[in-house]
Every structure is written in C-alpha cells, then in structure tokens.
Amino acid sequence: DRFGNKVYEKAQYANDWDGTSSFTGAVLQDDTYYYI
C-alpha cells in the first residue's frame, strides 16, 4: 500500500488476485498500490 505495508503476497501467482489482502482477507480500498 501507499504506506509501504505489504498487503498481498503469492508465490506461483496464477492470475487470481481479486483485490483482497492475502494476510487479513480484507477488501482493499480503491487506491494505487506498488507491485514487485
């Protein structure tokens, strides 16, 4: 997120991220996120 907090992580990514956090399951806000 914009504060540098990791909100999602997945090894062997399979085109299945739906905008929720992989850590909490919470729906992420409409916003800009940084990806690696």
PDB file of all heavy atoms in Angstrom:
ATOM      1  N   ASP A   1       0.834  -1.197   0.000  1.00  0.00           N
ATOM      2  CA  ASP A   1       0.000   0.000   0.000  1.00  0.00           C
ATOM      3  C   ASP A   1       0.870   1.248   0.000  1.00  0.00           C
ATOM      4  O   ASP A   1       2.101   1.162   0.005  1.00  0.00           O
ATOM      5  CB  ASP A   1      -0.997  -0.019   1.167  1.00  0.00           C
ATOM      6  CG  ASP A   1      -0.349   0.080   2.543  1.00  0.00           C
ATOM      7  OD1 ASP A   1       0.845   0.445   2.660  1.00  0.00           O
ATOM      8  OD2 ASP A   1      -1.053  -0.198   3.531  1.00  0.00           O
ATOM      9  N   ARG A   2       0.241   2.400   0.011  1.00  0.00           N
ATOM     10  CA  ARG A   2       0.982   3.665  -0.081  1.00  0.00           C
ATOM     11  C   ARG A   2       1.883   3.938   1.117  1.00  0.00           C
ATOM     12  O   ARG A   2       2.767   4.781   1.053  1.00  0.00           O
ATOM     13  CB  ARG A   2       0.027   4.828  -0.274  1.00  0.00           C
ATOM     14  CG  ARG A   2      -0.810   5.100   0.954  1.00  0.00           C
ATOM     15  CD  ARG A   2      -1.565   6.381   0.871  1.00  0.00           C
ATOM     16  NE  ARG A   2      -2.798   6.206   0.126  1.00  0.00           N
ATOM     17  CZ  ARG A   2      -3.585   7.192  -0.199  1.00  0.00           C
ATOM     18  NH1 ARG A   2      -3.284   8.414   0.135  1.00  0.00           N
ATOM     19  NH2 ARG A   2      -4.693   6.965  -0.851  1.00  0.00           N
ATOM     20  N   PHE A   3       1.665   3.208   2.216  1.00  0.00           N
ATOM     21  CA  PHE A   3       2.486   3.391   3.413  1.00  0.00           C
ATOM     22  C   PHE A   3       3.632   2.388   3.490  1.00  0.00           C
ATOM     23  O   PHE A   3       4.385   2.375   4.445  1.00  0.00           O
ATOM     24  CB  PHE A   3       1.610   3.294   4.665  1.00  0.00           C
ATOM     25  CG  PHE A   3       0.454   4.252   4.646  1.00  0.00           C
ATOM     26  CD1 PHE A   3      -0.828   3.790   4.419  1.00  0.00           C
ATOM     27  CD2 PHE A   3       0.665   5.614   4.798  1.00  0.00           C
ATOM     28  CE1 PHE A   3      -1.900   4.671   4.369  1.00  0.00           C
ATOM     29  CE2 PHE A   3      -0.397   6.494   4.747  1.00  0.00           C
ATOM     30  CZ  PHE A   3      -1.681   6.029   4.527  1.00  0.00           C
ATOM     31  N   GLY A   4       3.752   1.533   2.475  1.00  0.00           N
ATOM     32  CA  GLY A   4       4.821   0.545   2.440  1.00  0.00           C
ATOM     33  C   GLY A   4       4.485  -0.760   3.118  1.00  0.00           C
ATOM     34  O   GLY A   4       5.355  -1.618   3.276  1.00  0.00           O
ATOM     35  N   ASN A   5       3.229  -0.932   3.516  1.00  0.00           N
ATOM     36  CA  ASN A   5       2.802  -2.181   4.149  1.00  0.00           C
ATOM     37  C   ASN A   5       2.481  -3.223   3.078  1.00  0.00           C
ATOM     38  O   ASN A   5       1.736  -2.942   2.138  1.00  0.00           O
ATOM     39  CB  ASN A   5       1.548  -1.952   4.999  1.00  0.00           C
ATOM     40  CG  ASN A   5       1.772  -0.931   6.082  1.00  0.00           C
ATOM     41  OD1 ASN A   5       2.746  -0.990   6.818  1.00  0.00           O
ATOM     42  ND2 ASN A   5       0.865   0.030   6.175  1.00  0.00           N
ATOM     43  N   LYS A   6       3.027  -4.411   3.252  1.00  0.00           N
ATOM     44  CA  LYS A   6       2.717  -5.489   2.305  1.00  0.00           C
ATOM     45  C   LYS A   6       1.293  -5.953   2.574  1.00  0.00           C
ATOM     46  O   LYS A   6       0.953  -6.350   3.684  1.00  0.00           O
ATOM     47  CB  LYS A   6       3.694  -6.643   2.453  1.00  0.00           C
ATOM     48  CG  LYS A   6       3.546  -7.689   1.358  1.00  0.00           C
ATOM     49  CD  LYS A   6       4.451  -8.883   1.555  1.00  0.00           C
ATOM     50  CE  LYS A   6       5.897  -8.538   1.409  1.00  0.00           C
ATOM     51  NZ  LYS A   6       6.767  -9.737   1.424  1.00  0.00           N
ATOM     52  N   VAL A   7       0.447  -5.901   1.534  1.00  0.00           N
ATOM     53  CA  VAL A   7      -0.954  -6.286   1.690  1.00  0.00           C
ATOM     54  C   VAL A   7      -1.282  -7.572   0.944  1.00  0.00           C
ATOM     55  O   VAL A   7      -2.342  -8.167   1.169  1.00  0.00           O
ATOM     56  CB  VAL A   7      -1.900  -5.144   1.240  1.00  0.00           C
ATOM     57  CG1 VAL A   7      -1.736  -3.933   2.141  1.00  0.00           C
ATOM     58  CG2 VAL A   7      -1.675  -4.774  -0.214  1.00  0.00           C
ATOM     59  N   TYR A   8      -0.393  -8.003   0.058  1.00  0.00           N
ATOM     60  CA  TYR A   8      -0.639  -9.223  -0.698  1.00  0.00           C
ATOM     61  C   TYR A   8       0.697  -9.843  -1.080  1.00  0.00           C
ATOM     62  O   TYR A   8       1.644  -9.138  -1.433  1.00  0.00           O
ATOM     63  CB  TYR A   8      -1.430  -8.919  -1.974  1.00  0.00           C
ATOM     64  CG  TYR A   8      -1.788 -10.150  -2.770  1.00  0.00           C
ATOM     65  CD1 TYR A   8      -2.917 -10.890  -2.467  1.00  0.00           C
ATOM     66  CD2 TYR A   8      -0.995 -10.582  -3.825  1.00  0.00           C
ATOM     67  CE1 TYR A   8      -3.248 -12.023  -3.198  1.00  0.00           C
ATOM     68  CE2 TYR A   8      -1.309 -11.706  -4.557  1.00  0.00           C
ATOM     69  CZ  TYR A   8      -2.438 -12.423  -4.239  1.00  0.00           C
ATOM     70  OH  TYR A   8      -2.755 -13.544  -4.953  1.00  0.00           O
ATOM     71  N   GLU A   9       0.736 -11.173  -1.021  1.00  0.00           N
ATOM     72  CA  GLU A   9       1.923 -11.895  -1.465  1.00  0.00           C
ATOM     73  C   GLU A   9       1.496 -13.283  -1.911  1.00  0.00           C
ATOM     74  O   GLU A   9       0.703 -13.944  -1.232  1.00  0.00           O
ATOM     75  CB  GLU A   9       2.945 -12.015  -0.338  1.00  0.00           C
ATOM     76  CG  GLU A   9       4.192 -12.771  -0.736  1.00  0.00           C
ATOM     77  CD  GLU A   9       5.215 -12.812   0.386  1.00  0.00           C
ATOM     78  OE1 GLU A   9       4.827 -13.104   1.529  1.00  0.00           O
ATOM     79  OE2 GLU A   9       6.386 -12.542   0.105  1.00  0.00           O
ATOM     80  N   LYS A  10       2.012 -13.689  -3.070  1.00  0.00           N
ATOM     81  CA  LYS A  10       1.729 -15.048  -3.528  1.00  0.00           C
ATOM     82  C   LYS A  10       2.838 -15.544  -4.436  1.00  0.00           C
ATOM     83  O   LYS A  10       3.163 -14.926  -5.439  1.00  0.00           O
ATOM     84  CB  LYS A  10       0.407 -15.108  -4.267  1.00  0.00           C
ATOM     85  CG  LYS A  10       0.044 -16.541  -4.654  1.00  0.00           C
ATOM     86  CD  LYS A  10      -1.387 -16.696  -5.008  1.00  0.00           C
ATOM     87  CE  LYS A  10      -1.681 -18.162  -5.267  1.00  0.00           C
ATOM     88  NZ  LYS A  10      -2.985 -18.301  -5.905  1.00  0.00           N
ATOM     89  N   ALA A  11       3.402 -16.681  -4.042  1.00  0.00           N
ATOM     90  CA  ALA A  11       4.356 -17.375  -4.895  1.00  0.00           C
ATOM     91  C   ALA A  11       3.560 -18.176  -5.913  1.00  0.00           C
ATOM     92  O   ALA A  11       2.425 -18.598  -5.643  1.00  0.00           O
ATOM     93  CB  ALA A  11       5.239 -18.302  -4.060  1.00  0.00           C
ATOM     94  N   GLN A  12       4.145 -18.393  -7.088  1.00  0.00           N
ATOM     95  CA  GLN A  12       3.484 -19.099  -8.175  1.00  0.00           C
ATOM     96  C   GLN A  12       2.131 -18.440  -8.483  1.00  0.00           C
ATOM     97  O   GLN A  12       1.088 -19.089  -8.539  1.00  0.00           O
ATOM     98  CB  GLN A  12       3.320 -20.582  -7.856  1.00  0.00           C
ATOM     99  CG  GLN A  12       4.631 -21.327  -7.677  1.00  0.00           C
ATOM    100  CD  GLN A  12       5.621 -21.083  -8.810  1.00  0.00           C
ATOM    101  OE1 GLN A  12       6.648 -20.454  -8.610  1.00  0.00           O
ATOM    102  NE2 GLN A  12       5.318 -21.553  -9.991  1.00  0.00           N
ATOM    103  N   TYR A  13       2.176 -17.138  -8.667  1.00  0.00           N
ATOM    104  CA  TYR A  13       0.969 -16.354  -8.926  1.00  0.00           C
ATOM    105  C   TYR A  13       0.232 -16.901 -10.142  1.00  0.00           C
ATOM    106  O   TYR A  13       0.823 -17.173 -11.175  1.00  0.00           O
ATOM    107  CB  TYR A  13       1.317 -14.882  -9.135  1.00  0.00           C
ATOM    108  CG  TYR A  13       0.099 -14.036  -9.353  1.00  0.00           C
ATOM    109  CD1 TYR A  13      -0.815 -13.868  -8.329  1.00  0.00           C
ATOM    110  CD2 TYR A  13      -0.164 -13.455 -10.581  1.00  0.00           C
ATOM    111  CE1 TYR A  13      -1.963 -13.124  -8.517  1.00  0.00           C
ATOM    112  CE2 TYR A  13      -1.308 -12.702 -10.776  1.00  0.00           C
ATOM    113  CZ  TYR A  13      -2.203 -12.544  -9.739  1.00  0.00           C
ATOM    114  OH  TYR A  13      -3.342 -11.805  -9.935  1.00  0.00           O
ATOM    115  N   ALA A  14      -1.093 -17.062 -10.001  1.00  0.00           N
ATOM    116  CA  ALA A  14      -1.904 -17.702 -11.036  1.00  0.00           C
ATOM    117  C   ALA A  14      -3.053 -16.806 -11.516  1.00  0.00           C
ATOM    118  O   ALA A  14      -4.159 -17.279 -11.752  1.00  0.00           O
ATOM    119  CB  ALA A  14      -2.455 -19.022 -10.512  1.00  0.00           C
ATOM    120  N   ASN A  15      -2.794 -15.502 -11.620  1.00  0.00           N
ATOM    121  CA  ASN A  15      -3.792 -14.551 -12.119  1.00  0.00           C
ATOM    122  C   ASN A  15      -5.096 -14.611 -11.331  1.00  0.00           C
ATOM    123  O   ASN A  15      -6.187 -14.580 -11.896  1.00  0.00           O
ATOM    124  CB  ASN A  15      -4.068 -14.782 -13.610  1.00  0.00           C
ATOM    125  CG  ASN A  15      -2.903 -14.363 -14.467  1.00  0.00           C
ATOM    126  OD1 ASN A  15      -2.178 -13.429 -14.146  1.00  0.00           O
ATOM    127  ND2 ASN A  15      -2.711 -15.048 -15.570  1.00  0.00           N
ATOM    128  N   ASP A  16      -4.996 -14.686 -10.001  1.00  0.00           N
ATOM    129  CA  ASP A  16      -6.193 -14.859  -9.191  1.00  0.00           C
ATOM    130  C   ASP A  16      -6.371 -13.823  -8.076  1.00  0.00           C
ATOM    131  O   ASP A  16      -7.232 -13.990  -7.211  1.00  0.00           O
ATOM    132  CB  ASP A  16      -6.216 -16.267  -8.593  1.00  0.00           C
ATOM    133  CG  ASP A  16      -4.957 -16.607  -7.813  1.00  0.00           C
ATOM    134  OD1 ASP A  16      -4.021 -15.782  -7.747  1.00  0.00           O
ATOM    135  OD2 ASP A  16      -4.902 -17.726  -7.267  1.00  0.00           O
ATOM    136  N   TRP A  17      -5.607 -12.739  -8.102  1.00  0.00           N
ATOM    137  CA  TRP A  17      -5.793 -11.710  -7.071  1.00  0.00           C
ATOM    138  C   TRP A  17      -7.049 -10.911  -7.375  1.00  0.00           C
ATOM    139  O   TRP A  17      -7.235 -10.398  -8.471  1.00  0.00           O
ATOM    140  CB  TRP A  17      -4.568 -10.793  -6.993  1.00  0.00           C
ATOM    141  CG  TRP A  17      -4.667  -9.757  -5.918  1.00  0.00           C
ATOM    142  CD1 TRP A  17      -5.146  -9.923  -4.647  1.00  0.00           C
ATOM    143  CD2 TRP A  17      -4.271  -8.391  -6.012  1.00  0.00           C
ATOM    144  NE1 TRP A  17      -5.069  -8.752  -3.947  1.00  0.00           N
ATOM    145  CE2 TRP A  17      -4.538  -7.791  -4.776  1.00  0.00           C
ATOM    146  CE3 TRP A  17      -3.729  -7.617  -7.033  1.00  0.00           C
ATOM    147  CZ2 TRP A  17      -4.270  -6.451  -4.517  1.00  0.00           C
ATOM    148  CZ3 TRP A  17      -3.453  -6.289  -6.774  1.00  0.00           C
ATOM    149  CH2 TRP A  17      -3.718  -5.714  -5.525  1.00  0.00           C
ATOM    150  N   ASP A  18      -7.914 -10.795  -6.385  1.00  0.00           N
ATOM    151  CA  ASP A  18      -9.190 -10.112  -6.560  1.00  0.00           C
ATOM    152  C   ASP A  18      -9.286  -8.803  -5.770  1.00  0.00           C
ATOM    153  O   ASP A  18     -10.381  -8.292  -5.536  1.00  0.00           O
ATOM    154  CB  ASP A  18     -10.340 -11.034  -6.176  1.00  0.00           C
ATOM    155  CG  ASP A  18     -10.308 -11.444  -4.706  1.00  0.00           C
ATOM    156  OD1 ASP A  18      -9.361 -11.055  -3.973  1.00  0.00           O
ATOM    157  OD2 ASP A  18     -11.233 -12.156  -4.278  1.00  0.00           O
ATOM    158  N   GLY A  19      -8.142  -8.272  -5.353  1.00  0.00           N
ATOM    159  CA  GLY A  19      -8.150  -7.001  -4.635  1.00  0.00           C
ATOM    160  C   GLY A  19      -8.347  -7.130  -3.139  1.00  0.00           C
ATOM    161  O   GLY A  19      -8.684  -6.155  -2.474  1.00  0.00           O
ATOM    162  N   THR A  20      -8.139  -8.331  -2.609  1.00  0.00           N
ATOM    163  CA  THR A  20      -8.219  -8.514  -1.162  1.00  0.00           C
ATOM    164  C   THR A  20      -6.825  -8.801  -0.614  1.00  0.00           C
ATOM    165  O   THR A  20      -5.939  -9.264  -1.332  1.00  0.00           O
ATOM    166  CB  THR A  20      -9.162  -9.673  -0.773  1.00  0.00           C
ATOM    167  OG1 THR A  20      -8.681 -10.874  -1.368  1.00  0.00           O
ATOM    168  CG2 THR A  20     -10.585  -9.406  -1.212  1.00  0.00           C
ATOM    169  N   SER A  21      -6.648  -8.548   0.664  1.00  0.00           N
ATOM    170  CA  SER A  21      -5.367  -8.802   1.316  1.00  0.00           C
ATOM    171  C   SER A  21      -5.175 -10.299   1.507  1.00  0.00           C
ATOM    172  O   SER A  21      -6.095 -10.991   1.950  1.00  0.00           O
ATOM    173  CB  SER A  21      -5.320  -8.112   2.677  1.00  0.00           C
ATOM    174  OG  SER A  21      -4.174  -8.523   3.401  1.00  0.00           O
ATOM    175  N   SER A  22      -3.999 -10.808   1.185  1.00  0.00           N
ATOM    176  CA  SER A  22      -3.716 -12.233   1.410  1.00  0.00           C
ATOM    177  C   SER A  22      -3.417 -12.505   2.879  1.00  0.00           C
ATOM    178  O   SER A  22      -3.348 -13.652   3.291  1.00  0.00           O
ATOM    179  CB  SER A  22      -2.547 -12.696   0.542  1.00  0.00           C
ATOM    180  OG  SER A  22      -1.358 -12.032   0.906  1.00  0.00           O
ATOM    181  N   PHE A  23      -3.262 -11.444   3.656  1.00  0.00           N
ATOM    182  CA  PHE A  23      -2.934 -11.608   5.075  1.00  0.00           C
ATOM    183  C   PHE A  23      -4.174 -11.542   5.963  1.00  0.00           C
ATOM    184  O   PHE A  23      -4.306 -12.301   6.909  1.00  0.00           O
ATOM    185  CB  PHE A  23      -1.913 -10.560   5.510  1.00  0.00           C
ATOM    186  CG  PHE A  23      -0.640 -10.623   4.712  1.00  0.00           C
ATOM    187  CD1 PHE A  23      -0.355  -9.663   3.768  1.00  0.00           C
ATOM    188  CD2 PHE A  23       0.250 -11.676   4.868  1.00  0.00           C
ATOM    189  CE1 PHE A  23       0.800  -9.725   3.015  1.00  0.00           C
ATOM    190  CE2 PHE A  23       1.419 -11.753   4.113  1.00  0.00           C
ATOM    191  CZ  PHE A  23       1.687 -10.775   3.181  1.00  0.00           C
ATOM    192  N   THR A  24      -5.091 -10.624   5.664  1.00  0.00           N
ATOM    193  CA  THR A  24      -6.277 -10.437   6.508  1.00  0.00           C
ATOM    194  C   THR A  24      -7.572 -10.845   5.820  1.00  0.00           C
ATOM    195  O   THR A  24      -8.585 -10.997   6.486  1.00  0.00           O
ATOM    196  CB  THR A  24      -6.416  -8.962   6.936  1.00  0.00           C
ATOM    197  OG1 THR A  24      -6.691  -8.173   5.772  1.00  0.00           O
ATOM    198  CG2 THR A  24      -5.157  -8.468   7.629  1.00  0.00           C
ATOM    199  N   GLY A  25      -7.556 -10.966   4.494  1.00  0.00           N
ATOM    200  CA  GLY A  25      -8.767 -11.263   3.752  1.00  0.00           C
ATOM    201  C   GLY A  25      -9.645 -10.041   3.527  1.00  0.00           C
ATOM    202  O   GLY A  25     -10.708 -10.129   2.929  1.00  0.00           O
ATOM    203  N   ALA A  26      -9.205  -8.880   4.015  1.00  0.00           N
ATOM    204  CA  ALA A  26      -9.977  -7.648   3.879  1.00  0.00           C
ATOM    205  C   ALA A  26      -9.951  -7.144   2.437  1.00  0.00           C
ATOM    206  O   ALA A  26      -8.945  -7.281   1.737  1.00  0.00           O
ATOM    207  CB  ALA A  26      -9.421  -6.565   4.810  1.00  0.00           C
ATOM    208  N   VAL A  27     -11.059  -6.566   2.005  1.00  0.00           N
ATOM    209  CA  VAL A  27     -11.138  -5.931   0.698  1.00  0.00           C
ATOM    210  C   VAL A  27     -10.302  -4.658   0.757  1.00  0.00           C
ATOM    211  O   VAL A  27     -10.491  -3.825   1.638  1.00  0.00           O
ATOM    212  CB  VAL A  27     -12.603  -5.605   0.332  1.00  0.00           C
ATOM    213  CG1 VAL A  27     -12.676  -4.815  -0.954  1.00  0.00           C
ATOM    214  CG2 VAL A  27     -13.418  -6.888   0.227  1.00  0.00           C
ATOM    215  N   LEU A  28      -9.369  -4.514  -0.185  1.00  0.00           N
ATOM    216  CA  LEU A  28      -8.511  -3.329  -0.206  1.00  0.00           C
ATOM    217  C   LEU A  28      -9.265  -2.146  -0.800  1.00  0.00           C
ATOM    218  O   LEU A  28     -10.096  -2.305  -1.692  1.00  0.00           O
ATOM    219  CB  LEU A  28      -7.241  -3.611  -0.999  1.00  0.00           C
ATOM    220  CG  LEU A  28      -6.368  -4.735  -0.440  1.00  0.00           C
ATOM    221  CD1 LEU A  28      -5.206  -5.026  -1.391  1.00  0.00           C
ATOM    222  CD2 LEU A  28      -5.839  -4.374   0.939  1.00  0.00           C
ATOM    223  N   GLN A  29      -8.941  -0.967  -0.318  1.00  0.00           N
ATOM    224  CA  GLN A  29      -9.570   0.257  -0.797  1.00  0.00           C
ATOM    225  C   GLN A  29      -9.198   0.529  -2.243  1.00  0.00           C
ATOM    226  O   GLN A  29      -8.126   0.132  -2.702  1.00  0.00           O
ATOM    227  CB  GLN A  29      -9.082   1.446   0.030  1.00  0.00           C
ATOM    228  CG  GLN A  29      -9.460   1.424   1.468  1.00  0.00           C
ATOM    229  CD  GLN A  29      -8.925   2.675   2.158  1.00  0.00           C
ATOM    230  OE1 GLN A  29      -8.920   3.759   1.598  1.00  0.00           O
ATOM    231  NE2 GLN A  29      -8.474   2.508   3.379  1.00  0.00           N
ATOM    232  N   ASP A  30     -10.068   1.253  -2.932  1.00  0.00           N
ATOM    233  CA  ASP A  30      -9.713   1.748  -4.257  1.00  0.00           C
ATOM    234  C   ASP A  30      -8.547   2.701  -4.070  1.00  0.00           C
ATOM    235  O   ASP A  30      -8.664   3.698  -3.348  1.00  0.00           O
ATOM    236  CB  ASP A  30     -10.881   2.500  -4.888  1.00  0.00           C
ATOM    237  CG  ASP A  30     -12.003   1.580  -5.312  1.00  0.00           C
ATOM    238  OD1 ASP A  30     -11.964   0.385  -4.968  1.00  0.00           O
ATOM    239  OD2 ASP A  30     -12.921   2.063  -5.988  1.00  0.00           O
ATOM    240  N   ASP A  31      -7.435   2.390  -4.687  1.00  0.00           N
ATOM    241  CA  ASP A  31      -6.228   3.189  -4.486  1.00  0.00           C
ATOM    242  C   ASP A  31      -5.150   2.671  -5.433  1.00  0.00           C
ATOM    243  O   ASP A  31      -5.332   1.689  -6.136  1.00  0.00           O
ATOM    244  CB  ASP A  31      -5.751   3.064  -3.038  1.00  0.00           C
ATOM    245  CG  ASP A  31      -4.962   4.278  -2.556  1.00  0.00           C
ATOM    246  OD1 ASP A  31      -4.525   5.094  -3.407  1.00  0.00           O
ATOM    247  OD2 ASP A  31      -4.775   4.418  -1.339  1.00  0.00           O
ATOM    248  N   THR A  32      -4.025   3.328  -5.404  1.00  0.00           N
ATOM    249  CA  THR A  32      -2.859   2.898  -6.162  1.00  0.00           C
ATOM    250  C   THR A  32      -1.949   2.102  -5.242  1.00  0.00           C
ATOM    251  O   THR A  32      -1.666   2.527  -4.122  1.00  0.00           O
ATOM    252  CB  THR A  32      -2.108   4.115  -6.733  1.00  0.00           C
ATOM    253  OG1 THR A  32      -3.012   4.852  -7.562  1.00  0.00           O
ATOM    254  CG2 THR A  32      -0.907   3.683  -7.560  1.00  0.00           C
ATOM    255  N   TYR A  33      -1.492   0.962  -5.724  1.00  0.00           N
ATOM    256  CA  TYR A  33      -0.615   0.078  -4.966  1.00  0.00           C
ATOM    257  C   TYR A  33       0.664  -0.153  -5.753  1.00  0.00           C
ATOM    258  O   TYR A  33       0.677  -0.089  -6.978  1.00  0.00           O
ATOM    259  CB  TYR A  33      -1.325  -1.262  -4.699  1.00  0.00           C
ATOM    260  CG  TYR A  33      -2.523  -1.097  -3.803  1.00  0.00           C
ATOM    261  CD1 TYR A  33      -3.757  -0.737  -4.322  1.00  0.00           C
ATOM    262  CD2 TYR A  33      -2.408  -1.261  -2.438  1.00  0.00           C
ATOM    263  CE1 TYR A  33      -4.851  -0.547  -3.500  1.00  0.00           C
ATOM    264  CE2 TYR A  33      -3.496  -1.083  -1.604  1.00  0.00           C
ATOM    265  CZ  TYR A  33      -4.712  -0.722  -2.142  1.00  0.00           C
ATOM    266  OH  TYR A  33      -5.790  -0.526  -1.318  1.00  0.00           O
ATOM    267  N   TYR A  34       1.728  -0.443  -5.022  1.00  0.00           N
ATOM    268  CA  TYR A  34       3.033  -0.704  -5.624  1.00  0.00           C
ATOM    269  C   TYR A  34       3.198  -2.216  -5.727  1.00  0.00           C
ATOM    270  O   TYR A  34       2.923  -2.944  -4.767  1.00  0.00           O
ATOM    271  CB  TYR A  34       4.128  -0.103  -4.749  1.00  0.00           C
ATOM    272  CG  TYR A  34       5.520  -0.312  -5.260  1.00  0.00           C
ATOM    273  CD1 TYR A  34       5.988   0.398  -6.357  1.00  0.00           C
ATOM    274  CD2 TYR A  34       6.379  -1.208  -4.640  1.00  0.00           C
ATOM    275  CE1 TYR A  34       7.272   0.212  -6.822  1.00  0.00           C
ATOM    276  CE2 TYR A  34       7.673  -1.389  -5.108  1.00  0.00           C
ATOM    277  CZ  TYR A  34       8.110  -0.680  -6.195  1.00  0.00           C
ATOM    278  OH  TYR A  34       9.377  -0.869  -6.662  1.00  0.00           O
ATOM    279  N   TYR A  35       3.618  -2.696  -6.876  1.00  0.00           N
ATOM    280  CA  TYR A  35       3.840  -4.136  -7.015  1.00  0.00           C
ATOM    281  C   TYR A  35       5.308  -4.427  -7.300  1.00  0.00           C
ATOM    282  O   TYR A  35       6.019  -3.630  -7.890  1.00  0.00           O
ATOM    283  CB  TYR A  35       2.969  -4.744  -8.129  1.00  0.00           C
ATOM    284  CG  TYR A  35       3.388  -4.393  -9.528  1.00  0.00           C
ATOM    285  CD1 TYR A  35       4.430  -5.074 -10.162  1.00  0.00           C
ATOM    286  CD2 TYR A  35       2.764  -3.368 -10.229  1.00  0.00           C
ATOM    287  CE1 TYR A  35       4.829  -4.741 -11.447  1.00  0.00           C
ATOM    288  CE2 TYR A  35       3.154  -3.034 -11.511  1.00  0.00           C
ATOM    289  CZ  TYR A  35       4.186  -3.721 -12.109  1.00  0.00           C
ATOM    290  OH  TYR A  35       4.586  -3.394 -13.380  1.00  0.00           O
ATOM    291  N   ILE A  36       5.719  -5.602  -6.857  1.00  0.00           N
ATOM    292  CA  ILE A  36       7.003  -6.190  -7.243  1.00  0.00           C
ATOM    293  C   ILE A  36       6.674  -7.587  -7.745  1.00  0.00           C
ATOM    294  O   ILE A  36       6.121  -8.412  -7.015  1.00  0.00           O
ATOM    295  CB  ILE A  36       7.993  -6.266  -6.064  1.00  0.00           C
ATOM    296  CG1 ILE A  36       8.284  -4.872  -5.514  1.00  0.00           C
ATOM    297  CG2 ILE A  36       9.285  -6.965  -6.507  1.00  0.00           C
ATOM    298  CD1 ILE A  36       9.130  -4.872  -4.254  1.00  0.00           C
TER     299      ILE A  36
END
